[in-house]
Structures are given as structure tokens and as C-alpha cells.
Amino acid sequence: MEQIVRIQYVNTKLQIGLVNWRQAWLLSVNPAIQLTTEVYKGKLVFRVPGTSRRISYQRIKQGLIKKQIIIQQKALPF
């Protein structure tokens, strides 16, 4: 059984895809990694798990293109 994620918008410069304003995926690695959503100093930011690098929603939004991508992930065993 697999989980299917449908990405609606893609920023080709940053290689980040958005499902909605709360879910972002880093597409430059294989398999794609879901970014952590946080609020930092009153702004919505996304962070790669395990790093301190923050990418603001405003920066992602500047280069968005409407493009559908489907990501298939293996479901958790429980």
C-alpha cells in the first residue's frame, strides 16, 4: 500500500513543491522530503528536517508555477 501526494505548485529555482500553503516538499533529493512548517518571527517558513536552513513562504511564492507532480511513498508498517 502506498501513500500518494499530489503537488499542485512548483518553484523550479528552489526545487520545492507545494501541496497547499502548509505542506511543502523538497524535490531536489530522491526520494522527496517533506519540509517542516514553522512560524519564525511572525512569518511562515519551511525547514528541511535536520538542518537549521529556513526558506520563507514569500520566497517560495515568488517563483511558483502551476504544475502537477505525483509522489508515491511507502506507507508506514503500522
Protein backbone atom coordinates (compact mmCIF):
# COMPACT_ATOMS: atom_id res chain seq x y z
CA MET A 1 0.00 0.00 0.00
CA GLU A 2 1.37 3.41 -0.95
CA GLN A 3 0.58 6.96 0.01
CA ILE A 4 0.04 9.33 -2.93
CA VAL A 5 0.88 13.04 -2.62
CA ARG A 6 -0.30 15.42 -5.37
CA ILE A 7 1.84 18.53 -5.65
CA GLN A 8 -0.05 21.45 -7.22
CA TYR A 9 2.61 24.19 -7.49
CA VAL A 10 6.37 24.01 -8.05
CA ASN A 11 9.17 26.53 -7.61
CA THR A 12 11.72 25.33 -10.17
CA LYS A 13 14.53 27.54 -8.90
CA LEU A 14 14.38 26.22 -5.32
CA GLN A 15 13.11 22.74 -6.34
CA ILE A 16 10.26 22.92 -3.82
CA GLY A 17 6.71 21.74 -4.45
CA LEU A 18 3.60 22.87 -2.58
CA VAL A 19 0.55 20.72 -1.93
CA ASN A 20 -1.09 23.61 -0.08
CA TRP A 21 0.21 26.51 2.00
CA ARG A 22 1.05 24.16 4.89
CA GLN A 23 2.69 21.23 3.07
CA ALA A 24 5.91 21.65 1.11
CA TRP A 25 8.21 19.03 -0.39
CA LEU A 26 11.89 19.27 -1.34
CA LEU A 27 12.12 17.76 -4.83
CA SER A 28 15.89 18.01 -5.38
CA VAL A 29 16.59 14.80 -3.42
CA ASN A 30 15.42 11.29 -4.17
CA PRO A 31 13.07 10.35 -2.53
CA ALA A 32 11.41 13.73 -1.96
CA ILE A 33 11.45 15.03 1.63
CA GLN A 34 8.54 16.76 3.34
CA LEU A 35 9.59 20.09 4.83
CA THR A 36 8.71 21.09 8.38
CA THR A 37 6.32 24.06 8.67
CA GLU A 38 7.11 26.68 11.32
CA VAL A 39 6.34 30.26 12.24
CA TYR A 40 9.51 32.31 12.74
CA LYS A 41 9.24 35.96 13.79
CA GLY A 42 5.63 36.05 12.63
CA LYS A 43 6.34 34.66 9.16
CA LEU A 44 5.58 31.25 7.71
CA VAL A 45 8.79 29.34 6.98
CA PHE A 46 9.67 25.83 5.87
CA ARG A 47 12.68 23.96 7.20
CA VAL A 48 14.50 20.89 5.95
CA PRO A 49 14.42 18.30 8.77
CA GLY A 50 17.79 18.00 10.49
CA THR A 51 19.07 21.41 9.37
CA SER A 52 18.66 25.00 10.51
CA ARG A 53 18.10 26.39 7.00
CA ARG A 54 14.79 28.24 6.76
CA ILE A 55 13.01 29.05 3.50
CA SER A 56 10.24 31.64 3.74
CA TYR A 57 6.86 31.18 2.11
CA GLN A 58 7.25 34.57 0.41
CA ARG A 59 10.47 33.41 -1.27
CA ILE A 60 8.87 30.19 -2.47
CA LYS A 61 5.77 32.03 -3.67
CA GLN A 62 7.77 34.37 -5.94
CA GLY A 63 8.69 31.65 -8.43
CA LEU A 64 5.66 29.34 -8.32
CA ILE A 65 4.45 27.62 -11.46
CA LYS A 66 1.25 25.61 -11.62
CA LYS A 67 2.41 22.09 -12.36
CA GLN A 68 1.10 18.78 -11.04
CA ILE A 69 3.56 16.20 -9.76
CA ILE A 70 2.62 12.94 -8.05
CA ILE A 71 4.85 11.48 -5.34
CA GLN A 72 4.32 7.91 -4.19
CA GLN A 73 5.61 6.89 -0.78
CA LYS A 74 5.59 3.60 1.01
CA ALA A 75 3.10 3.57 3.86
CA LEU A 76 4.30 3.11 7.41
CA PRO A 77 4.21 -0.51 8.61
CA PHE A 78 1.77 0.08 11.47
